[in-house]
């Protein structure tokens, strides 16, 4: 995971991006991600099947003119 986050070391510690909610695009990658896994188990206390998934998700904006950035 370090290779993904290592490229953002120059970002300030506190920042905010403001935009209209319809200006965002969300993408989910459930394939070819290091550490991606799906676990399933039975919980006898609750008498139900449980599952946990680890995957990668990303977000991007569509129109840069609708973005306002604040840096502290």
PDB file of N, CA and C in Angstrom:
ATOM      1  N   UNK A   1       0.816  -1.189   0.000  1.00  0.00           N
ATOM      2  CA  UNK A   1       0.000   0.000   0.000  1.00  0.00           C
ATOM      3  C   UNK A   1       0.864   1.259   0.000  1.00  0.00           C
ATOM      4  N   UNK A   2       2.088   1.136   0.469  1.00  0.00           N
ATOM      5  CA  UNK A   2       2.982   2.278   0.523  1.00  0.00           C
ATOM      6  C   UNK A   2       3.259   2.897  -0.832  1.00  0.00           C
ATOM      7  N   UNK A   3       3.260   2.095  -1.891  1.00  0.00           N
ATOM      8  CA  UNK A   3       3.508   2.640  -3.222  1.00  0.00           C
ATOM      9  C   UNK A   3       2.364   3.547  -3.679  1.00  0.00           C
ATOM     10  N   UNK A   4       1.159   3.318  -3.170  1.00  0.00           N
ATOM     11  CA  UNK A   4       0.023   4.171  -3.537  1.00  0.00           C
ATOM     12  C   UNK A   4       0.055   5.493  -2.781  1.00  0.00           C
ATOM     13  N   UNK A   5       0.377   5.454  -1.495  1.00  0.00           N
ATOM     14  CA  UNK A   5       0.349   6.669  -0.681  1.00  0.00           C
ATOM     15  C   UNK A   5       1.656   7.433  -0.715  1.00  0.00           C
ATOM     16  N   UNK A   6       2.739   6.821  -1.141  1.00  0.00           N
ATOM     17  CA  UNK A   6       4.038   7.476  -1.158  1.00  0.00           C
ATOM     18  C   UNK A   6       4.111   8.675  -2.081  1.00  0.00           C
ATOM     19  N   UNK A   7       3.272   8.724  -3.097  1.00  0.00           N
ATOM     20  CA  UNK A   7       3.313   9.821  -4.055  1.00  0.00           C
ATOM     21  C   UNK A   7       2.660  11.101  -3.531  1.00  0.00           C
ATOM     22  N   UNK A   8       2.022  11.064  -2.362  1.00  0.00           N
ATOM     23  CA  UNK A   8       1.320  12.224  -1.830  1.00  0.00           C
ATOM     24  C   UNK A   8       2.016  12.814  -0.605  1.00  0.00           C
ATOM     25  N   UNK A   9       3.326  12.681  -0.516  1.00  0.00           N
ATOM     26  CA  UNK A   9       4.042  13.181   0.652  1.00  0.00           C
ATOM     27  C   UNK A   9       4.188  14.693   0.647  1.00  0.00           C
ATOM     28  N   UNK A  10       3.986  15.363  -0.483  1.00  0.00           N
ATOM     29  CA  UNK A  10       4.144  16.812  -0.541  1.00  0.00           C
ATOM     30  C   UNK A  10       2.861  17.560  -0.181  1.00  0.00           C
ATOM     31  N   UNK A  11       1.791  16.845   0.152  1.00  0.00           N
ATOM     32  CA  UNK A  11       0.534  17.500   0.532  1.00  0.00           C
ATOM     33  C   UNK A  11       0.662  18.103   1.925  1.00  0.00           C
ATOM     34  N   UNK A  12       0.045  19.273   2.162  1.00  0.00           N
ATOM     35  CA  UNK A  12       0.073  19.839   3.511  1.00  0.00           C
ATOM     36  C   UNK A  12      -0.718  18.965   4.482  1.00  0.00           C
ATOM     37  N   UNK A  13      -0.463  19.167   5.760  1.00  0.00           N
ATOM     38  CA  UNK A  13      -1.112  18.331   6.768  1.00  0.00           C
ATOM     39  C   UNK A  13      -2.614  18.597   6.861  1.00  0.00           C
ATOM     40  N   UNK A  14      -3.019  19.846   6.635  1.00  0.00           N
ATOM     41  CA  UNK A  14      -4.431  20.202   6.709  1.00  0.00           C
ATOM     42  C   UNK A  14      -4.857  20.844   5.397  1.00  0.00           C
ATOM     43  N   UNK A  15      -5.861  20.264   4.765  1.00  0.00           N
ATOM     44  CA  UNK A  15      -6.394  20.832   3.540  1.00  0.00           C
ATOM     45  C   UNK A  15      -7.842  20.390   3.379  1.00  0.00           C
ATOM     46  N   UNK A  16      -8.582  21.104   2.544  1.00  0.00           N
ATOM     47  CA  UNK A  16      -9.980  20.767   2.275  1.00  0.00           C
ATOM     48  C   UNK A  16     -10.277  21.041   0.806  1.00  0.00           C
ATOM     49  N   UNK A  17     -11.070  20.172   0.207  1.00  0.00           N
ATOM     50  CA  UNK A  17     -11.555  20.362  -1.154  1.00  0.00           C
ATOM     51  C   UNK A  17     -13.076  20.419  -1.104  1.00  0.00           C
ATOM     52  N   UNK A  18     -13.636  21.474  -1.661  1.00  0.00           N
ATOM     53  CA  UNK A  18     -15.090  21.646  -1.669  1.00  0.00           C
ATOM     54  C   UNK A  18     -15.595  21.590  -3.105  1.00  0.00           C
ATOM     55  N   UNK A  19     -16.687  20.864  -3.312  1.00  0.00           N
ATOM     56  CA  UNK A  19     -17.282  20.776  -4.640  1.00  0.00           C
ATOM     57  C   UNK A  19     -18.745  20.369  -4.507  1.00  0.00           C
ATOM     58  N   UNK A  20     -19.454  20.464  -5.583  1.00  0.00           N
ATOM     59  CA  UNK A  20     -20.835  19.987  -5.682  1.00  0.00           C
ATOM     60  C   UNK A  20     -20.809  18.461  -5.689  1.00  0.00           C
ATOM     61  N   UNK A  21     -21.726  17.809  -5.001  1.00  0.00           N
ATOM     62  CA  UNK A  21     -21.698  16.347  -4.873  1.00  0.00           C
ATOM     63  C   UNK A  21     -21.850  15.633  -6.217  1.00  0.00           C
ATOM     64  N   UNK A  22     -22.534  16.240  -7.181  1.00  0.00           N
ATOM     65  CA  UNK A  22     -22.681  15.612  -8.496  1.00  0.00           C
ATOM     66  C   UNK A  22     -21.432  15.746  -9.360  1.00  0.00           C
ATOM     67  N   UNK A  23     -20.419  16.460  -8.851  1.00  0.00           N
ATOM     68  CA  UNK A  23     -19.160  16.632  -9.570  1.00  0.00           C
ATOM     69  C   UNK A  23     -18.151  15.531  -9.224  1.00  0.00           C
ATOM     70  N   UNK A  24     -18.529  14.572  -8.395  1.00  0.00           N
ATOM     71  CA  UNK A  24     -17.613  13.516  -7.974  1.00  0.00           C
ATOM     72  C   UNK A  24     -17.913  12.206  -8.690  1.00  0.00           C
ATOM     73  N   UNK A  25     -16.864  11.475  -8.996  1.00  0.00           N
ATOM     74  CA  UNK A  25     -16.996  10.135  -9.581  1.00  0.00           C
ATOM     75  C   UNK A  25     -16.294   9.156  -8.646  1.00  0.00           C
ATOM     76  N   UNK A  26     -16.960   8.075  -8.315  1.00  0.00           N
ATOM     77  CA  UNK A  26     -16.417   7.056  -7.431  1.00  0.00           C
ATOM     78  C   UNK A  26     -16.136   5.799  -8.225  1.00  0.00           C
ATOM     79  N   UNK A  27     -14.955   5.231  -8.033  1.00  0.00           N
ATOM     80  CA  UNK A  27     -14.586   3.983  -8.705  1.00  0.00           C
ATOM     81  C   UNK A  27     -14.158   2.970  -7.656  1.00  0.00           C
ATOM     82  N   UNK A  28     -14.545   1.718  -7.861  1.00  0.00           N
ATOM     83  CA  UNK A  28     -14.197   0.631  -6.946  1.00  0.00           C
ATOM     84  C   UNK A  28     -13.478  -0.443  -7.738  1.00  0.00           C
ATOM     85  N   UNK A  29     -12.317  -0.868  -7.236  1.00  0.00           N
ATOM     86  CA  UNK A  29     -11.531  -1.914  -7.878  1.00  0.00           C
ATOM     87  C   UNK A  29     -11.557  -3.146  -6.986  1.00  0.00           C
ATOM     88  N   UNK A  30     -12.181  -4.211  -7.453  1.00  0.00           N
ATOM     89  CA  UNK A  30     -12.231  -5.454  -6.678  1.00  0.00           C
ATOM     90  C   UNK A  30     -11.287  -6.501  -7.248  1.00  0.00           C
ATOM     91  N   UNK A  31     -10.505  -6.147  -8.252  1.00  0.00           N
ATOM     92  CA  UNK A  31      -9.561  -7.072  -8.884  1.00  0.00           C
ATOM     93  C   UNK A  31      -8.160  -6.465  -8.864  1.00  0.00           C
ATOM     94  N   UNK A  32      -7.142  -7.296  -8.851  1.00  0.00           N
ATOM     95  CA  UNK A  32      -5.751  -6.874  -9.043  1.00  0.00           C
ATOM     96  C   UNK A  32      -5.281  -5.817  -8.053  1.00  0.00           C
ATOM     97  N   UNK A  33      -5.692  -5.906  -6.815  1.00  0.00           N
ATOM     98  CA  UNK A  33      -5.262  -4.970  -5.781  1.00  0.00           C
ATOM     99  C   UNK A  33      -4.483  -5.735  -4.720  1.00  0.00           C
ATOM    100  N   UNK A  34      -3.266  -5.287  -4.387  1.00  0.00           N
ATOM    101  CA  UNK A  34      -2.489  -5.992  -3.367  1.00  0.00           C
ATOM    102  C   UNK A  34      -3.229  -6.006  -2.031  1.00  0.00           C
ATOM    103  N   UNK A  35      -3.369  -7.153  -1.450  1.00  0.00           N
ATOM    104  CA  UNK A  35      -4.058  -7.273  -0.170  1.00  0.00           C
ATOM    105  C   UNK A  35      -5.555  -7.446  -0.290  1.00  0.00           C
ATOM    106  N   UNK A  36      -6.070  -7.494  -1.512  1.00  0.00           N
ATOM    107  CA  UNK A  36      -7.509  -7.680  -1.703  1.00  0.00           C
ATOM    108  C   UNK A  36      -7.909  -9.065  -1.204  1.00  0.00           C
ATOM    109  N   UNK A  37      -8.924  -9.124  -0.382  1.00  0.00           N
ATOM    110  CA  UNK A  37      -9.382 -10.412   0.141  1.00  0.00           C
ATOM    111  C   UNK A  37     -10.855 -10.336   0.526  1.00  0.00           C
ATOM    112  N   UNK A  38     -11.496 -11.483   0.532  1.00  0.00           N
ATOM    113  CA  UNK A  38     -12.868 -11.610   1.014  1.00  0.00           C
ATOM    114  C   UNK A  38     -12.887 -12.740   2.024  1.00  0.00           C
ATOM    115  N   UNK A  39     -13.376 -12.451   3.229  1.00  0.00           N
ATOM    116  CA  UNK A  39     -13.477 -13.473   4.279  1.00  0.00           C
ATOM    117  C   UNK A  39     -14.939 -13.711   4.599  1.00  0.00           C
ATOM    118  N   UNK A  40     -15.289 -14.968   4.764  1.00  0.00           N
ATOM    119  CA  UNK A  40     -16.649 -15.325   5.164  1.00  0.00           C
ATOM    120  C   UNK A  40     -16.570 -16.260   6.355  1.00  0.00           C
ATOM    121  N   UNK A  41     -17.481 -16.098   7.315  1.00  0.00           N
ATOM    122  CA  UNK A  41     -17.515 -16.959   8.493  1.00  0.00           C
ATOM    123  C   UNK A  41     -18.923 -16.984   9.059  1.00  0.00           C
ATOM    124  N   UNK A  42     -19.163 -17.957   9.880  1.00  0.00           N
ATOM    125  CA  UNK A  42     -20.456 -18.089  10.541  1.00  0.00           C
ATOM    126  C   UNK A  42     -20.312 -17.603  11.970  1.00  0.00           C
ATOM    127  N   UNK A  43     -21.204 -16.729  12.409  1.00  0.00           N
ATOM    128  CA  UNK A  43     -21.202 -16.197  13.758  1.00  0.00           C
ATOM    129  C   UNK A  43     -22.272 -16.940  14.555  1.00  0.00           C
ATOM    130  N   UNK A  44     -21.862 -17.883  15.435  1.00  0.00           N
ATOM    131  CA  UNK A  44     -22.864 -18.665  16.167  1.00  0.00           C
ATOM    132  C   UNK A  44     -23.657 -17.849  17.190  1.00  0.00           C
ATOM    133  N   UNK A  45     -23.079 -16.764  17.715  1.00  0.00           N
ATOM    134  CA  UNK A  45     -23.806 -15.930  18.681  1.00  0.00           C
ATOM    135  C   UNK A  45     -25.018 -15.260  18.045  1.00  0.00           C
ATOM    136  N   UNK A  46     -24.838 -14.763  16.826  1.00  0.00           N
ATOM    137  CA  UNK A  46     -25.931 -14.092  16.112  1.00  0.00           C
ATOM    138  C   UNK A  46     -26.668 -15.033  15.168  1.00  0.00           C
ATOM    139  N   UNK A  47     -26.150 -16.244  15.010  1.00  0.00           N
ATOM    140  CA  UNK A  47     -26.708 -17.239  14.098  1.00  0.00           C
ATOM    141  C   UNK A  47     -26.874 -16.676  12.680  1.00  0.00           C
ATOM    142  N   UNK A  48     -25.768 -16.118  12.140  1.00  0.00           N
ATOM    143  CA  UNK A  48     -25.806 -15.573  10.794  1.00  0.00           C
ATOM    144  C   UNK A  48     -24.423 -15.674  10.148  1.00  0.00           C
ATOM    145  N   UNK A  49     -24.424 -15.667   8.838  1.00  0.00           N
ATOM    146  CA  UNK A  49     -23.181 -15.649   8.077  1.00  0.00           C
ATOM    147  C   UNK A  49     -22.687 -14.207   7.989  1.00  0.00           C
ATOM    148  N   UNK A  50     -21.391 -14.048   8.111  1.00  0.00           N
ATOM    149  CA  UNK A  50     -20.783 -12.721   8.019  1.00  0.00           C
ATOM    150  C   UNK A  50     -19.753 -12.737   6.912  1.00  0.00           C
ATOM    151  N   UNK A  51     -19.454 -11.558   6.373  1.00  0.00           N
ATOM    152  CA  UNK A  51     -18.375 -11.447   5.401  1.00  0.00           C
ATOM    153  C   UNK A  51     -17.688 -10.097   5.547  1.00  0.00           C
ATOM    154  N   UNK A  52     -16.423 -10.069   5.190  1.00  0.00           N
ATOM    155  CA  UNK A  52     -15.621  -8.848   5.221  1.00  0.00           C
ATOM    156  C   UNK A  52     -14.812  -8.809   3.932  1.00  0.00           C
ATOM    157  N   UNK A  53     -14.816  -7.668   3.256  1.00  0.00           N
ATOM    158  CA  UNK A  53     -14.078  -7.519   1.999  1.00  0.00           C
ATOM    159  C   UNK A  53     -13.115  -6.344   2.113  1.00  0.00           C
ATOM    160  N   UNK A  54     -11.918  -6.523   1.573  1.00  0.00           N
ATOM    161  CA  UNK A  54     -10.924  -5.461   1.485  1.00  0.00           C
ATOM    162  C   UNK A  54     -10.718  -5.183   0.001  1.00  0.00           C
ATOM    163  N   UNK A  55     -10.900  -3.930  -0.420  1.00  0.00           N
ATOM    164  CA  UNK A  55     -10.735  -3.567  -1.819  1.00  0.00           C
ATOM    165  C   UNK A  55     -10.319  -2.112  -1.903  1.00  0.00           C
ATOM    166  N   UNK A  56     -10.013  -1.658  -3.092  1.00  0.00           N
ATOM    167  CA  UNK A  56      -9.551  -0.295  -3.302  1.00  0.00           C
ATOM    168  C   UNK A  56     -10.694   0.545  -3.876  1.00  0.00           C
ATOM    169  N   UNK A  57     -10.823   1.757  -3.368  1.00  0.00           N
ATOM    170  CA  UNK A  57     -11.810   2.698  -3.900  1.00  0.00           C
ATOM    171  C   UNK A  57     -11.121   4.038  -4.140  1.00  0.00           C
ATOM    172  N   UNK A  58     -11.550   4.718  -5.162  1.00  0.00           N
ATOM    173  CA  UNK A  58     -10.977   6.016  -5.473  1.00  0.00           C
ATOM    174  C   UNK A  58     -12.058   6.995  -5.868  1.00  0.00           C
ATOM    175  N   UNK A  59     -11.738   8.270  -5.743  1.00  0.00           N
ATOM    176  CA  UNK A  59     -12.699   9.323  -6.063  1.00  0.00           C
ATOM    177  C   UNK A  59     -11.987  10.383  -6.896  1.00  0.00           C
ATOM    178  N   UNK A  60     -12.674  10.921  -7.863  1.00  0.00           N
ATOM    179  CA  UNK A  60     -12.109  11.983  -8.696  1.00  0.00           C
ATOM    180  C   UNK A  60     -13.221  12.970  -9.024  1.00  0.00           C
ATOM    181  N   UNK A  61     -12.842  14.180  -9.415  1.00  0.00           N
ATOM    182  CA  UNK A  61     -13.830  15.176  -9.798  1.00  0.00           C
ATOM    183  C   UNK A  61     -13.966  15.197 -11.314  1.00  0.00           C
ATOM    184  N   UNK A  62     -15.103  15.683 -11.791  1.00  0.00           N
ATOM    185  CA  UNK A  62     -15.377  15.720 -13.226  1.00  0.00           C
ATOM    186  C   UNK A  62     -14.995  17.064 -13.845  1.00  0.00           C
ATOM    187  N   UNK A  63     -15.381  18.157 -13.203  1.00  0.00           N
ATOM    188  CA  UNK A  63     -15.111  19.497 -13.739  1.00  0.00           C
ATOM    189  C   UNK A  63     -14.236  20.283 -12.751  1.00  0.00           C
ATOM    190  N   UNK A  64     -12.994  20.600 -13.118  1.00  0.00           N
ATOM    191  CA  UNK A  64     -12.103  21.296 -12.181  1.00  0.00           C
ATOM    192  C   UNK A  64     -12.574  22.711 -11.832  1.00  0.00           C
ATOM    193  N   UNK A  65     -13.376  23.335 -12.676  1.00  0.00           N
ATOM    194  CA  UNK A  65     -13.847  24.686 -12.371  1.00  0.00           C
ATOM    195  C   UNK A  65     -14.867  24.720 -11.224  1.00  0.00           C
ATOM    196  N   UNK A  66     -15.354  23.557 -10.788  1.00  0.00           N
ATOM    197  CA  UNK A  66     -16.279  23.484  -9.658  1.00  0.00           C
ATOM    198  C   UNK A  66     -15.583  23.095  -8.360  1.00  0.00           C
ATOM    199  N   UNK A  67     -14.248  23.193  -8.308  1.00  0.00           N
ATOM    200  CA  UNK A  67     -13.465  22.814  -7.122  1.00  0.00           C
ATOM    201  C   UNK A  67     -12.939  24.070  -6.444  1.00  0.00           C
ATOM    202  N   UNK A  68     -13.037  24.110  -5.115  1.00  0.00           N
ATOM    203  CA  UNK A  68     -12.433  25.151  -4.297  1.00  0.00           C
ATOM    204  C   UNK A  68     -11.520  24.446  -3.298  1.00  0.00           C
ATOM    205  N   UNK A  69     -10.261  24.901  -3.190  1.00  0.00           N
ATOM    206  CA  UNK A  69      -9.295  24.285  -2.280  1.00  0.00           C
ATOM    207  C   UNK A  69      -8.918  25.259  -1.185  1.00  0.00           C
ATOM    208  N   UNK A  70      -8.798  24.743   0.040  1.00  0.00           N
ATOM    209  CA  UNK A  70      -8.350  25.530   1.182  1.00  0.00           C
ATOM    210  C   UNK A  70      -7.192  24.796   1.834  1.00  0.00           C
ATOM    211  N   UNK A  71      -6.091  25.524   2.081  1.00  0.00           N
ATOM    212  CA  UNK A  71      -4.889  24.939   2.676  1.00  0.00           C
ATOM    213  C   UNK A  71      -4.542  25.715   3.921  1.00  0.00           C
ATOM    214  N   UNK A  72      -4.222  24.980   4.997  1.00  0.00           N
ATOM    215  CA  UNK A  72      -3.837  25.660   6.244  1.00  0.00           C
ATOM    216  C   UNK A  72      -2.444  25.221   6.650  1.00  0.00           C
TER     217      UNK A  72
END
